[in-house]
PDB file of N, CA and C in Angstrom:
ATOM      1  N   MET A   1     113.529 102.830 107.876  1.00  0.00           N
ATOM      2  CA  MET A   1     112.365 103.692 107.782  1.00  0.00           C
ATOM      3  C   MET A   1     111.217 102.896 107.149  1.00  0.00           C
ATOM      4  N   PRO A   2     110.270 102.407 107.933  1.00  0.00           N
ATOM      5  CA  PRO A   2     109.168 101.626 107.381  1.00  0.00           C
ATOM      6  C   PRO A   2     108.016 102.477 106.830  1.00  0.00           C
ATOM      7  N   TYR A   3     108.082 103.798 106.962  1.00  0.00           N
ATOM      8  CA  TYR A   3     107.010 104.678 106.495  1.00  0.00           C
ATOM      9  C   TYR A   3     107.601 105.819 105.694  1.00  0.00           C
ATOM     10  N   PRO A   4     106.849 106.413 104.835  1.00  0.00           N
ATOM     11  CA  PRO A   4     105.453 106.156 104.501  1.00  0.00           C
ATOM     12  C   PRO A   4     105.301 104.886 103.667  1.00  0.00           C
ATOM     13  N   LYS A   5     104.104 104.340 103.741  1.00  0.00           N
ATOM     14  CA  LYS A   5     103.764 103.136 102.985  1.00  0.00           C
ATOM     15  C   LYS A   5     102.727 103.472 101.928  1.00  0.00           C
ATOM     16  N   ILE A   6     102.805 102.757 100.819  1.00  0.00           N
ATOM     17  CA  ILE A   6     101.786 102.854  99.777  1.00  0.00           C
ATOM     18  C   ILE A   6     101.304 101.444  99.477  1.00  0.00           C
ATOM     19  N   SER A   7      99.996 101.272  99.413  1.00  0.00           N
ATOM     20  CA  SER A   7      99.390  99.998  99.044  1.00  0.00           C
ATOM     21  C   SER A   7      98.514 100.221  97.825  1.00  0.00           C
ATOM     22  N   ILE A   8      98.652  99.342  96.852  1.00  0.00           N
ATOM     23  CA  ILE A   8      97.779  99.374  95.680  1.00  0.00           C
ATOM     24  C   ILE A   8      96.870  98.156  95.778  1.00  0.00           C
ATOM     25  N   ARG A   9      95.593  98.396  96.043  1.00  0.00           N
ATOM     26  CA  ARG A   9      94.597  97.324  96.160  1.00  0.00           C
ATOM     27  C   ARG A   9      93.862  97.241  94.831  1.00  0.00           C
ATOM     28  N   PHE A  10      93.802  96.040  94.263  1.00  0.00           N
ATOM     29  CA  PHE A  10      93.237  95.887  92.923  1.00  0.00           C
ATOM     30  C   PHE A  10      92.495  94.569  92.795  1.00  0.00           C
ATOM     31  N   CYS A  11      91.512  94.564  91.906  1.00  0.00           N
ATOM     32  CA  CYS A  11      90.718  93.373  91.616  1.00  0.00           C
ATOM     33  C   CYS A  11      91.480  92.473  90.647  1.00  0.00           C
ATOM     34  N   THR A  12      91.731  91.253  91.047  1.00  0.00           N
ATOM     35  CA  THR A  12      92.423  90.309  90.162  1.00  0.00           C
ATOM     36  C   THR A  12      91.474  89.781  89.086  1.00  0.00           C
ATOM     37  N   ARG A  13      90.179  89.719  89.386  1.00  0.00           N
ATOM     38  CA  ARG A  13      89.214  89.250  88.384  1.00  0.00           C
ATOM     39  C   ARG A  13      89.084  90.238  87.232  1.00  0.00           C
ATOM     40  N   CYS A  14      89.355  91.521  87.512  1.00  0.00           N
ATOM     41  CA  CYS A  14      89.332  92.546  86.469  1.00  0.00           C
ATOM     42  C   CYS A  14      90.621  92.526  85.649  1.00  0.00           C
ATOM     43  N   LYS A  15      91.556  91.704  86.083  1.00  0.00           N
ATOM     44  CA  LYS A  15      92.851  91.583  85.405  1.00  0.00           C
ATOM     45  C   LYS A  15      93.631  92.898  85.428  1.00  0.00           C
ATOM     46  N   TRP A  16      93.629  93.550  86.588  1.00  0.00           N
ATOM     47  CA  TRP A  16      94.358  94.799  86.750  1.00  0.00           C
ATOM     48  C   TRP A  16      95.732  94.570  87.366  1.00  0.00           C
ATOM     49  N   ASN A  17      96.220  93.318  87.336  1.00  0.00           N
ATOM     50  CA  ASN A  17      97.521  92.963  87.902  1.00  0.00           C
ATOM     51  C   ASN A  17      98.643  93.763  87.240  1.00  0.00           C
ATOM     52  N   LEU A  18      98.711  93.744  85.904  1.00  0.00           N
ATOM     53  CA  LEU A  18      99.791  94.428  85.198  1.00  0.00           C
ATOM     54  C   LEU A  18      99.714  95.938  85.378  1.00  0.00           C
ATOM     55  N   ARG A  19      98.518  96.485  85.334  1.00  0.00           N
ATOM     56  CA  ARG A  19      98.340  97.927  85.555  1.00  0.00           C
ATOM     57  C   ARG A  19      98.846  98.297  86.946  1.00  0.00           C
ATOM     58  N   SER A  20      98.498  97.492  87.947  1.00  0.00           N
ATOM     59  CA  SER A  20      98.926  97.752  89.327  1.00  0.00           C
ATOM     60  C   SER A  20     100.437  97.658  89.453  1.00  0.00           C
ATOM     61  N   ALA A  21     101.021  96.646  88.828  1.00  0.00           N
ATOM     62  CA  ALA A  21     102.484  96.481  88.875  1.00  0.00           C
ATOM     63  C   ALA A  21     103.178  97.651  88.174  1.00  0.00           C
ATOM     64  N   TRP A  22     102.588  98.148  87.096  1.00  0.00           N
ATOM     65  CA  TRP A  22     103.171  99.293  86.395  1.00  0.00           C
ATOM     66  C   TRP A  22     103.152 100.537  87.276  1.00  0.00           C
ATOM     67  N   TYR A  23     102.012 100.805  87.951  1.00  0.00           N
ATOM     68  CA  TYR A  23     101.952 101.950  88.869  1.00  0.00           C
ATOM     69  C   TYR A  23     102.984 101.777  89.988  1.00  0.00           C
ATOM     70  N   LEU A  24     103.107 100.568  90.536  1.00  0.00           N
ATOM     71  CA  LEU A  24     104.087 100.303  91.586  1.00  0.00           C
ATOM     72  C   LEU A  24     105.489 100.657  91.093  1.00  0.00           C
ATOM     73  N   GLN A  25     105.836 100.198  89.894  1.00  0.00           N
ATOM     74  CA  GLN A  25     107.155 100.466  89.330  1.00  0.00           C
ATOM     75  C   GLN A  25     107.372 101.965  89.142  1.00  0.00           C
ATOM     76  N   GLU A  26     106.370 102.683  88.641  1.00  0.00           N
ATOM     77  CA  GLU A  26     106.478 104.128  88.441  1.00  0.00           C
ATOM     78  C   GLU A  26     106.703 104.853  89.770  1.00  0.00           C
ATOM     79  N   LEU A  27     105.957 104.460  90.802  1.00  0.00           N
ATOM     80  CA  LEU A  27     106.101 105.103  92.109  1.00  0.00           C
ATOM     81  C   LEU A  27     107.440 104.757  92.749  1.00  0.00           C
ATOM     82  N   LEU A  28     107.861 103.519  92.632  1.00  0.00           N
ATOM     83  CA  LEU A  28     109.143 103.108  93.203  1.00  0.00           C
ATOM     84  C   LEU A  28     110.304 103.802  92.493  1.00  0.00           C
ATOM     85  N   GLN A  29     110.218 103.915  91.190  1.00  0.00           N
ATOM     86  CA  GLN A  29     111.272 104.589  90.434  1.00  0.00           C
ATOM     87  C   GLN A  29     111.347 106.072  90.804  1.00  0.00           C
ATOM     88  N   THR A  30     110.211 106.689  91.050  1.00  0.00           N
ATOM     89  CA  THR A  30     110.175 108.120  91.371  1.00  0.00           C
ATOM     90  C   THR A  30     110.559 108.405  92.812  1.00  0.00           C
ATOM     91  N   PHE A  31     110.021 107.630  93.763  1.00  0.00           N
ATOM     92  CA  PHE A  31     110.214 107.946  95.177  1.00  0.00           C
ATOM     93  C   PHE A  31     111.296 107.110  95.862  1.00  0.00           C
ATOM     94  N   GLY A  32     111.621 105.947  95.296  1.00  0.00           N
ATOM     95  CA  GLY A  32     112.726 105.117  95.757  1.00  0.00           C
ATOM     96  C   GLY A  32     112.897 105.029  97.262  1.00  0.00           C
ATOM     97  N   ASP A  33     114.041 105.517  97.743  1.00  0.00           N
ATOM     98  CA  ASP A  33     114.409 105.398  99.153  1.00  0.00           C
ATOM     99  C   ASP A  33     113.553 106.250 100.089  1.00  0.00           C
ATOM    100  N   ASN A  34     112.732 107.125  99.545  1.00  0.00           N
ATOM    101  CA  ASN A  34     111.841 107.922 100.394  1.00  0.00           C
ATOM    102  C   ASN A  34     110.650 107.118 100.890  1.00  0.00           C
ATOM    103  N   LEU A  35     110.401 105.956 100.277  1.00  0.00           N
ATOM    104  CA  LEU A  35     109.294 105.089 100.683  1.00  0.00           C
ATOM    105  C   LEU A  35     109.788 104.018 101.641  1.00  0.00           C
ATOM    106  N   GLY A  36     108.983 103.729 102.638  1.00  0.00           N
ATOM    107  CA  GLY A  36     109.302 102.633 103.535  1.00  0.00           C
ATOM    108  C   GLY A  36     108.824 101.306 102.976  1.00  0.00           C
ATOM    109  N   GLU A  37     107.718 101.349 102.239  1.00  0.00           N
ATOM    110  CA  GLU A  37     107.143 100.124 101.671  1.00  0.00           C
ATOM    111  C   GLU A  37     106.161 100.496 100.572  1.00  0.00           C
ATOM    112  N   ILE A  38     106.099  99.648  99.565  1.00  0.00           N
ATOM    113  CA  ILE A  38     105.058  99.761  98.548  1.00  0.00           C
ATOM    114  C   ILE A  38     104.612  98.340  98.240  1.00  0.00           C
ATOM    115  N   SER A  39     103.302  98.109  98.229  1.00  0.00           N
ATOM    116  CA  SER A  39     102.810  96.736  98.089  1.00  0.00           C
ATOM    117  C   SER A  39     101.619  96.657  97.149  1.00  0.00           C
ATOM    118  N   LEU A  40     101.456  95.462  96.585  1.00  0.00           N
ATOM    119  CA  LEU A  40     100.288  95.124  95.772  1.00  0.00           C
ATOM    120  C   LEU A  40      99.425  94.183  96.591  1.00  0.00           C
ATOM    121  N   ILE A  41      98.150  94.491  96.695  1.00  0.00           N
ATOM    122  CA  ILE A  41      97.246  93.696  97.521  1.00  0.00           C
ATOM    123  C   ILE A  41      96.014  93.334  96.698  1.00  0.00           C
ATOM    124  N   PRO A  42      95.756  92.035  96.471  1.00  0.00           N
ATOM    125  CA  PRO A  42      94.515  91.653  95.804  1.00  0.00           C
ATOM    126  C   PRO A  42      93.323  92.166  96.616  1.00  0.00           C
ATOM    127  N   GLY A  43      92.416  92.864  95.924  1.00  0.00           N
ATOM    128  CA  GLY A  43      91.304  93.497  96.622  1.00  0.00           C
ATOM    129  C   GLY A  43      89.970  92.905  96.263  1.00  0.00           C
ATOM    130  N   GLU A  44      88.938  93.655  96.579  1.00  0.00           N
ATOM    131  CA  GLU A  44      87.568  93.230  96.344  1.00  0.00           C
ATOM    132  C   GLU A  44      87.201  93.380  94.869  1.00  0.00           C
ATOM    133  N   THR A  45      86.082  92.825  94.501  1.00  0.00           N
ATOM    134  CA  THR A  45      85.579  92.885  93.140  1.00  0.00           C
ATOM    135  C   THR A  45      85.464  94.335  92.667  1.00  0.00           C
ATOM    136  N   GLY A  46      86.102  94.634  91.539  1.00  0.00           N
ATOM    137  CA  GLY A  46      86.029  95.960  90.944  1.00  0.00           C
ATOM    138  C   GLY A  46      86.871  97.024  91.623  1.00  0.00           C
ATOM    139  N   GLU A  47      87.633  96.658  92.627  1.00  0.00           N
ATOM    140  CA  GLU A  47      88.401  97.640  93.399  1.00  0.00           C
ATOM    141  C   GLU A  47      89.721  97.996  92.719  1.00  0.00           C
ATOM    142  N   PHE A  48      90.027  99.274  92.706  1.00  0.00           N
ATOM    143  CA  PHE A  48      91.365  99.767  92.397  1.00  0.00           C
ATOM    144  C   PHE A  48      91.560 101.028  93.216  1.00  0.00           C
ATOM    145  N   ARG A  49      92.381 100.902  94.268  1.00  0.00           N
ATOM    146  CA  ARG A  49      92.647 102.040  95.144  1.00  0.00           C
ATOM    147  C   ARG A  49      94.143 102.106  95.451  1.00  0.00           C
ATOM    148  N   VAL A  50      94.639 103.316  95.540  1.00  0.00           N
ATOM    149  CA  VAL A  50      96.006 103.554  95.982  1.00  0.00           C
ATOM    150  C   VAL A  50      95.883 104.226  97.340  1.00  0.00           C
ATOM    151  N   LEU A  51      96.452 103.593  98.355  1.00  0.00           N
ATOM    152  CA  LEU A  51      96.346 104.074  99.726  1.00  0.00           C
ATOM    153  C   LEU A  51      97.730 104.376 100.276  1.00  0.00           C
ATOM    154  N   GLY A  52      97.814 105.384 101.112  1.00  0.00           N
ATOM    155  CA  GLY A  52      99.075 105.733 101.748  1.00  0.00           C
ATOM    156  C   GLY A  52      98.913 105.778 103.248  1.00  0.00           C
ATOM    157  N   GLN A  53     100.025 105.612 103.951  1.00  0.00           N
ATOM    158  CA  GLN A  53     100.018 105.698 105.408  1.00  0.00           C
ATOM    159  C   GLN A  53     101.326 106.356 105.834  1.00  0.00           C
ATOM    160  N   LEU A  54     101.222 107.422 106.622  1.00  0.00           N
ATOM    161  CA  LEU A  54     102.397 108.195 107.026  1.00  0.00           C
ATOM    162  C   LEU A  54     103.174 107.569 108.177  1.00  0.00           C
ATOM    163  N   GLY A  55     102.462 106.909 109.093  1.00  0.00           N
ATOM    164  CA  GLY A  55     103.111 106.309 110.256  1.00  0.00           C
ATOM    165  C   GLY A  55     102.277 105.186 110.815  1.00  0.00           C
ATOM    166  N   GLN A  56     102.841 104.485 111.784  1.00  0.00           N
ATOM    167  CA  GLN A  56     102.184 103.305 112.347  1.00  0.00           C
ATOM    168  C   GLN A  56     100.814 103.624 112.928  1.00  0.00           C
ATOM    169  N   ASP A  57     100.680 104.756 113.575  1.00  0.00           N
ATOM    170  CA  ASP A  57      99.423 105.105 114.226  1.00  0.00           C
ATOM    171  C   ASP A  57      98.539 106.026 113.391  1.00  0.00           C
ATOM    172  N   SER A  58      98.967 106.344 112.178  1.00  0.00           N
ATOM    173  CA  SER A  58      98.166 107.244 111.343  1.00  0.00           C
ATOM    174  C   SER A  58      97.151 106.457 110.522  1.00  0.00           C
ATOM    175  N   GLU A  59      96.083 107.132 110.161  1.00  0.00           N
ATOM    176  CA  GLU A  59      95.055 106.508 109.334  1.00  0.00           C
ATOM    177  C   GLU A  59      95.521 106.443 107.887  1.00  0.00           C
ATOM    178  N   GLU A  60      94.940 105.510 107.141  1.00  0.00           N
ATOM    179  CA  GLU A  60      95.255 105.421 105.723  1.00  0.00           C
ATOM    180  C   GLU A  60      94.693 106.637 104.993  1.00  0.00           C
ATOM    181  N   ILE A  61      95.448 107.095 104.012  1.00  0.00           N
ATOM    182  CA  ILE A  61      95.047 108.209 103.165  1.00  0.00           C
ATOM    183  C   ILE A  61      94.677 107.629 101.809  1.00  0.00           C
ATOM    184  N   CYS A  62      93.498 107.956 101.328  1.00  0.00           N
ATOM    185  CA  CYS A  62      93.102 107.495  99.998  1.00  0.00           C
ATOM    186  C   CYS A  62      93.706 108.450  98.970  1.00  0.00           C
ATOM    187  N   ILE A  63      94.696 107.949  98.244  1.00  0.00           N
ATOM    188  CA  ILE A  63      95.365 108.742  97.216  1.00  0.00           C
ATOM    189  C   ILE A  63      94.563 108.680  95.924  1.00  0.00           C
ATOM    190  N   TRP A  64      94.014 107.515  95.628  1.00  0.00           N
ATOM    191  CA  TRP A  64      93.209 107.343  94.412  1.00  0.00           C
ATOM    192  C   TRP A  64      92.212 106.225  94.613  1.00  0.00           C
ATOM    193  N   ASP A  65      90.993 106.412  94.145  1.00  0.00           N
ATOM    194  CA  ASP A  65      89.965 105.384  94.160  1.00  0.00           C
ATOM    195  C   ASP A  65      89.271 105.417  92.806  1.00  0.00           C
ATOM    196  N   ARG A  66      89.399 104.355  92.049  1.00  0.00           N
ATOM    197  CA  ARG A  66      88.839 104.285  90.692  1.00  0.00           C
ATOM    198  C   ARG A  66      87.350 104.585  90.676  1.00  0.00           C
ATOM    199  N   LYS A  67      86.621 104.111  91.665  1.00  0.00           N
ATOM    200  CA  LYS A  67      85.174 104.318  91.685  1.00  0.00           C
ATOM    201  C   LYS A  67      84.815 105.765  92.001  1.00  0.00           C
ATOM    202  N   VAL A  68      85.551 106.392  92.883  1.00  0.00           N
ATOM    203  CA  VAL A  68      85.282 107.779  93.259  1.00  0.00           C
ATOM    204  C   VAL A  68      85.723 108.733  92.155  1.00  0.00           C
ATOM    205  N   GLN A  69      86.941 108.514  91.635  1.00  0.00           N
ATOM    206  CA  GLN A  69      87.488 109.404  90.617  1.00  0.00           C
ATOM    207  C   GLN A  69      87.091 109.007  89.195  1.00  0.00           C
ATOM    208  N   ASP A  70      86.323 107.935  89.050  1.00  0.00           N
ATOM    209  CA  ASP A  70      85.755 107.545  87.768  1.00  0.00           C
ATOM    210  C   ASP A  70      86.805 107.174  86.719  1.00  0.00           C
ATOM    211  N   GLY A  71      87.789 106.376  87.122  1.00  0.00           N
ATOM    212  CA  GLY A  71      88.798 105.921  86.176  1.00  0.00           C
ATOM    213  C   GLY A  71      90.154 105.750  86.832  1.00  0.00           C
ATOM    214  N   PHE A  72      91.151 105.599  86.007  1.00  0.00           N
ATOM    215  CA  PHE A  72      92.523 105.418  86.467  1.00  0.00           C
ATOM    216  C   PHE A  72      93.309 106.703  86.249  1.00  0.00           C
ATOM    217  N   PRO A  73      94.275 106.992  87.130  1.00  0.00           N
ATOM    218  CA  PRO A  73      95.038 108.232  86.972  1.00  0.00           C
ATOM    219  C   PRO A  73      96.146 108.094  85.941  1.00  0.00           C
ATOM    220  N   ASP A  74      96.484 109.203  85.317  1.00  0.00           N
ATOM    221  CA  ASP A  74      97.704 109.295  84.545  1.00  0.00           C
ATOM    222  C   ASP A  74      98.852 109.160  85.560  1.00  0.00           C
ATOM    223  N   SER A  75      99.963 108.526  85.195  1.00  0.00           N
ATOM    224  CA  SER A  75     101.050 108.308  86.155  1.00  0.00           C
ATOM    225  C   SER A  75     101.599 109.627  86.684  1.00  0.00           C
ATOM    226  N   LYS A  76     101.655 110.650  85.850  1.00  0.00           N
ATOM    227  CA  LYS A  76     102.133 111.964  86.284  1.00  0.00           C
ATOM    228  C   LYS A  76     101.252 112.502  87.404  1.00  0.00           C
ATOM    229  N   PHE A  77      99.943 112.414  87.228  1.00  0.00           N
ATOM    230  CA  PHE A  77      99.017 112.920  88.241  1.00  0.00           C
ATOM    231  C   PHE A  77      99.110 112.097  89.519  1.00  0.00           C
ATOM    232  N   LEU A  78      99.240 110.765  89.399  1.00  0.00           N
ATOM    233  CA  LEU A  78      99.365 109.918  90.588  1.00  0.00           C
ATOM    234  C   LEU A  78     100.624 110.281  91.371  1.00  0.00           C
ATOM    235  N   LYS A  79     101.728 110.515  90.685  1.00  0.00           N
ATOM    236  CA  LYS A  79     102.975 110.907  91.361  1.00  0.00           C
ATOM    237  C   LYS A  79     102.806 112.242  92.074  1.00  0.00           C
ATOM    238  N   GLN A  80     102.116 113.177  91.450  1.00  0.00           N
ATOM    239  CA  GLN A  80     101.877 114.468  92.087  1.00  0.00           C
ATOM    240  C   GLN A  80     101.029 114.309  93.347  1.00  0.00           C
ATOM    241  N   ARG A  81     100.000 113.460  93.260  1.00  0.00           N
ATOM    242  CA  ARG A  81      99.141 113.224  94.440  1.00  0.00           C
ATOM    243  C   ARG A  81      99.913 112.570  95.569  1.00  0.00           C
ATOM    244  N   VAL A  82     100.727 111.561  95.232  1.00  0.00           N
ATOM    245  CA  VAL A  82     101.535 110.884  96.266  1.00  0.00           C
ATOM    246  C   VAL A  82     102.461 111.885  96.926  1.00  0.00           C
ATOM    247  N   ARG A  83     103.166 112.661  96.117  1.00  0.00           N
ATOM    248  CA  ARG A  83     104.096 113.653  96.668  1.00  0.00           C
ATOM    249  C   ARG A  83     103.371 114.646  97.570  1.00  0.00           C
ATOM    250  N   ASN A  84     102.241 115.184  97.107  1.00  0.00           N
ATOM    251  CA  ASN A  84     101.527 116.205  97.865  1.00  0.00           C
ATOM    252  C   ASN A  84     100.878 115.664  99.138  1.00  0.00           C
ATOM    253  N   LEU A  85     100.416 114.425  99.102  1.00  0.00           N
ATOM    254  CA  LEU A  85      99.728 113.870 100.274  1.00  0.00           C
ATOM    255  C   LEU A  85     100.658 113.191 101.267  1.00  0.00           C
ATOM    256  N   LEU A  86     101.780 112.646 100.796  1.00  0.00           N
ATOM    257  CA  LEU A  86     102.675 111.913 101.694  1.00  0.00           C
ATOM    258  C   LEU A  86     103.985 112.634 102.008  1.00  0.00           C
ATOM    259  N   PHE A  87     104.382 113.570 101.156  1.00  0.00           N
ATOM    260  CA  PHE A  87     105.695 114.181 101.341  1.00  0.00           C
ATOM    261  C   PHE A  87     105.663 115.705 101.448  1.00  0.00           C
ATOM    262  N   ASP A  88     104.513 116.336 101.467  1.00  0.00           N
ATOM    263  CA  ASP A  88     104.400 117.791 101.595  1.00  0.00           C
ATOM    264  C   ASP A  88     105.296 118.546 100.623  1.00  0.00           C
ATOM    265  N   ASN A  89     105.348 118.099  99.382  1.00  0.00           N
ATOM    266  CA  ASN A  89     106.099 118.752  98.313  1.00  0.00           C
ATOM    267  C   ASN A  89     107.605 118.791  98.550  1.00  0.00           C
ATOM    268  N   ASN A  90     108.134 118.023  99.501  1.00  0.00           N
ATOM    269  CA  ASN A  90     109.564 118.032  99.793  1.00  0.00           C
ATOM    270  C   ASN A  90     110.369 117.117  98.886  1.00  0.00           C
ATOM    271  N   VAL A  91     109.739 116.343  98.042  1.00  0.00           N
ATOM    272  CA  VAL A  91     110.414 115.378  97.195  1.00  0.00           C
ATOM    273  C   VAL A  91     110.200 115.756  95.737  1.00  0.00           C
ATOM    274  N   SER A  92     111.282 115.761  94.968  1.00  0.00           N
ATOM    275  CA  SER A  92     111.179 116.062  93.547  1.00  0.00           C
ATOM    276  C   SER A  92     110.630 114.844  92.812  1.00  0.00           C
ATOM    277  N   ILE A  93     109.755 115.099  91.856  1.00  0.00           N
ATOM    278  CA  ILE A  93     109.235 114.002  91.035  1.00  0.00           C
ATOM    279  C   ILE A  93     109.665 114.160  89.583  1.00  0.00           C
ATOM    280  N   GLY A  94     110.662 114.994  89.356  1.00  0.00           N
ATOM    281  CA  GLY A  94     111.178 115.195  88.005  1.00  0.00           C
ATOM    282  C   GLY A  94     110.494 116.361  87.324  1.00  0.00           C
ATOM    283  N   LYS A  95     111.251 117.056  86.473  1.00  0.00           N
ATOM    284  CA  LYS A  95     110.737 118.261  85.817  1.00  0.00           C
ATOM    285  C   LYS A  95     109.489 118.003  84.992  1.00  0.00           C
ATOM    286  N   HIS A  96     109.480 116.906  84.223  1.00  0.00           N
ATOM    287  CA  HIS A  96     108.325 116.645  83.355  1.00  0.00           C
ATOM    288  C   HIS A  96     107.071 116.321  84.149  1.00  0.00           C
ATOM    289  N   ASN A  97     107.214 115.828  85.375  1.00  0.00           N
ATOM    290  CA  ASN A  97     106.053 115.540  86.217  1.00  0.00           C
ATOM    291  C   ASN A  97     105.602 116.754  87.012  1.00  0.00           C
ATOM    292  N   GLU A  98     106.464 117.761  87.138  1.00  0.00           N
ATOM    293  CA  GLU A  98     106.138 118.961  87.906  1.00  0.00           C
ATOM    294  C   GLU A  98     105.234 119.904  87.119  1.00  0.00           C
ATOM    295  N   ARG A  99     105.342 119.880  85.796  1.00  0.00           N
ATOM    296  CA  ARG A  99     104.586 120.810  84.965  1.00  0.00           C
ATOM    297  C   ARG A  99     103.093 120.525  85.037  1.00  0.00           C
ATOM    298  N   SER A 100     102.327 121.581  85.074  1.00  0.00           N
ATOM    299  CA  SER A 100     100.867 121.412  85.011  1.00  0.00           C
ATOM    300  C   SER A 100     100.345 122.254  83.859  1.00  0.00           C
ATOM    301  N   SER A 101      99.089 122.170  83.626  1.00  0.00           N
ATOM    302  CA  SER A 101      98.472 122.884  82.508  1.00  0.00           C
ATOM    303  C   SER A 101      98.221 124.348  82.823  1.00  0.00           C
ATOM    304  N   GLY A 102      98.880 124.884  83.858  1.00  0.00           N
ATOM    305  CA  GLY A 102      98.682 126.283  84.218  1.00  0.00           C
ATOM    306  C   GLY A 102      97.659 126.452  85.320  1.00  0.00           C
ATOM    307  N   GLN A 103      96.971 125.393  85.687  1.00  0.00           N
ATOM    308  CA  GLN A 103      95.994 125.459  86.763  1.00  0.00           C
ATOM    309  C   GLN A 103      96.482 124.566  87.894  1.00  0.00           C
ATOM    310  N   ASN A 104      96.157 124.948  89.102  1.00  0.00           N
ATOM    311  CA  ASN A 104      96.512 124.095  90.222  1.00  0.00           C
ATOM    312  C   ASN A 104      95.350 123.155  90.496  1.00  0.00           C
ATOM    313  N   HIS A 105      95.337 122.013  89.830  1.00  0.00           N
ATOM    314  CA  HIS A 105      94.246 121.054  89.989  1.00  0.00           C
ATOM    315  C   HIS A 105      94.547 120.023  91.068  1.00  0.00           C
ATOM    316  N   LEU A 106      95.674 120.171  91.766  1.00  0.00           N
ATOM    317  CA  LEU A 106      96.032 119.174  92.767  1.00  0.00           C
ATOM    318  C   LEU A 106      95.298 119.372  94.083  1.00  0.00           C
ATOM    319  N   THR A 107      94.692 120.525  94.291  1.00  0.00           N
ATOM    320  CA  THR A 107      93.985 120.747  95.543  1.00  0.00           C
ATOM    321  C   THR A 107      92.614 120.101  95.548  1.00  0.00           C
ATOM    322  N   GLY A 108      92.032 119.864  94.393  1.00  0.00           N
ATOM    323  CA  GLY A 108      90.721 119.240  94.309  1.00  0.00           C
ATOM    324  C   GLY A 108      90.813 117.730  94.329  1.00  0.00           C
ATOM    325  N   LEU A 109      89.698 117.093  94.563  1.00  0.00           N
ATOM    326  CA  LEU A 109      89.665 115.636  94.592  1.00  0.00           C
ATOM    327  C   LEU A 109      89.794 115.042  93.208  1.00  0.00           C
ATOM    328  N   ASN A 110      89.174 115.658  92.229  1.00  0.00           N
ATOM    329  CA  ASN A 110      89.166 115.105  90.884  1.00  0.00           C
ATOM    330  C   ASN A 110      90.081 115.897  89.963  1.00  0.00           C
ATOM    331  N   PRO A 111      90.904 115.204  89.177  1.00  0.00           N
ATOM    332  CA  PRO A 111      91.772 115.881  88.225  1.00  0.00           C
ATOM    333  C   PRO A 111      90.996 116.276  86.984  1.00  0.00           C
ATOM    334  N   PRO A 112      91.608 117.090  86.125  1.00  0.00           N
ATOM    335  CA  PRO A 112      90.954 117.384  84.849  1.00  0.00           C
ATOM    336  C   PRO A 112      90.709 116.098  84.073  1.00  0.00           C
ATOM    337  N   ARG A 113      89.736 116.093  83.197  1.00  0.00           N
ATOM    338  CA  ARG A 113      89.359 114.882  82.458  1.00  0.00           C
ATOM    339  C   ARG A 113      90.526 114.286  81.679  1.00  0.00           C
ATOM    340  N   GLU A 114      91.464 115.124  81.184  1.00  0.00           N
ATOM    341  CA  GLU A 114      92.559 114.586  80.386  1.00  0.00           C
ATOM    342  C   GLU A 114      93.549 113.766  81.201  1.00  0.00           C
ATOM    343  N   THR A 115      93.470 113.806  82.532  1.00  0.00           N
ATOM    344  CA  THR A 115      94.377 113.004  83.341  1.00  0.00           C
ATOM    345  C   THR A 115      93.784 111.649  83.702  1.00  0.00           C
ATOM    346  N   LEU A 116      92.582 111.360  83.231  1.00  0.00           N
ATOM    347  CA  LEU A 116      91.933 110.093  83.536  1.00  0.00           C
ATOM    348  C   LEU A 116      92.042 109.105  82.385  1.00  0.00           C
ATOM    349  N   ILE A 117      92.155 107.841  82.745  1.00  0.00           N
ATOM    350  CA  ILE A 117      92.075 106.757  81.780  1.00  0.00           C
ATOM    351  C   ILE A 117      90.779 106.029  82.110  1.00  0.00           C
ATOM    352  N   LYS A 118      89.776 106.185  81.258  1.00  0.00           N
ATOM    353  CA  LYS A 118      88.462 105.620  81.555  1.00  0.00           C
ATOM    354  C   LYS A 118      88.484 104.096  81.534  1.00  0.00           C
ATOM    355  N   GLN A 119      87.752 103.499  82.428  1.00  0.00           N
ATOM    356  CA  GLN A 119      87.615 102.049  82.484  1.00  0.00           C
ATOM    357  C   GLN A 119      86.151 101.753  82.753  1.00  0.00           C
ATOM    358  N   GLU A 120      85.544 101.073  81.846  1.00  0.00           N
ATOM    359  CA  GLU A 120      84.153 100.683  82.039  1.00  0.00           C
ATOM    360  C   GLU A 120      84.090  99.636  83.148  1.00  0.00           C
ATOM    361  N   GLU A 121      82.896  99.349  83.599  1.00  0.00           N
ATOM    362  CA  GLU A 121      82.728  98.304  84.602  1.00  0.00           C
ATOM    363  C   GLU A 121      83.305  96.992  84.090  1.00  0.00           C
ATOM    364  N   CYS A 122      83.814  96.216  84.982  1.00  0.00           N
ATOM    365  CA  CYS A 122      84.469  94.962  84.617  1.00  0.00           C
ATOM    366  C   CYS A 122      83.427  93.886  84.323  1.00  0.00           C
ATOM    367  N   HIS A 123      83.495  93.312  83.132  1.00  0.00           N
ATOM    368  CA  HIS A 123      82.556  92.262  82.769  1.00  0.00           C
ATOM    369  C   HIS A 123      82.863  90.960  83.488  1.00  0.00           C
ATOM    370  N   ASP A 124      84.159  90.688  83.769  1.00  0.00           N
ATOM    371  CA  ASP A 124      84.535  89.483  84.497  1.00  0.00           C
ATOM    372  C   ASP A 124      83.936  89.482  85.900  1.00  0.00           C
ATOM    373  N   CYS A 125      83.950  90.656  86.563  1.00  0.00           N
ATOM    374  CA  CYS A 125      83.432  90.729  87.919  1.00  0.00           C
ATOM    375  C   CYS A 125      81.910  90.663  87.960  1.00  0.00           C
ATOM    376  N   ASN A 126      81.274  91.119  86.920  1.00  0.00           N
ATOM    377  CA  ASN A 126      79.809  91.122  86.886  1.00  0.00           C
ATOM    378  C   ASN A 126      79.228  89.770  86.535  1.00  0.00           C
ATOM    379  N   ASP A 127      80.050  88.864  85.984  1.00  0.00           N
ATOM    380  CA  ASP A 127      79.580  87.503  85.655  1.00  0.00           C
ATOM    381  C   ASP A 127      79.722  86.619  86.892  1.00  0.00           C
ATOM    382  N   ASN A 128      78.637  86.217  87.425  1.00  0.00           N
ATOM    383  CA  ASN A 128      78.694  85.317  88.597  1.00  0.00           C
ATOM    384  C   ASN A 128      78.040  84.005  88.300  1.00  0.00           C
TER     385      ASN A 128
END
């Protein structure tokens, strides 16, 4: 089963390698055999995006974009987004990841502020 696929595209100049590897490990530990592939891809300057693809002929789904969502996701929220966008809620992500604050914030594009890890613009990328 080569699908669904998840790609984490990240800026190496921003030194987001370890953060990207940590998200990869969290997603692999949670979804394991349900994933066909998960990869780390060096991206453009300032980029941090988590992309999914359901099948060979399907378009990529943007699960997370640091620039659009204004920061990095909490791992719990990222797992919920992956499950909801790639697996239609058919995969368990563990009891502690299922709990929400009483609101269904997964239908909107942006999570509540407490689920974000703020990251200022990268100074390494801005120095040319």
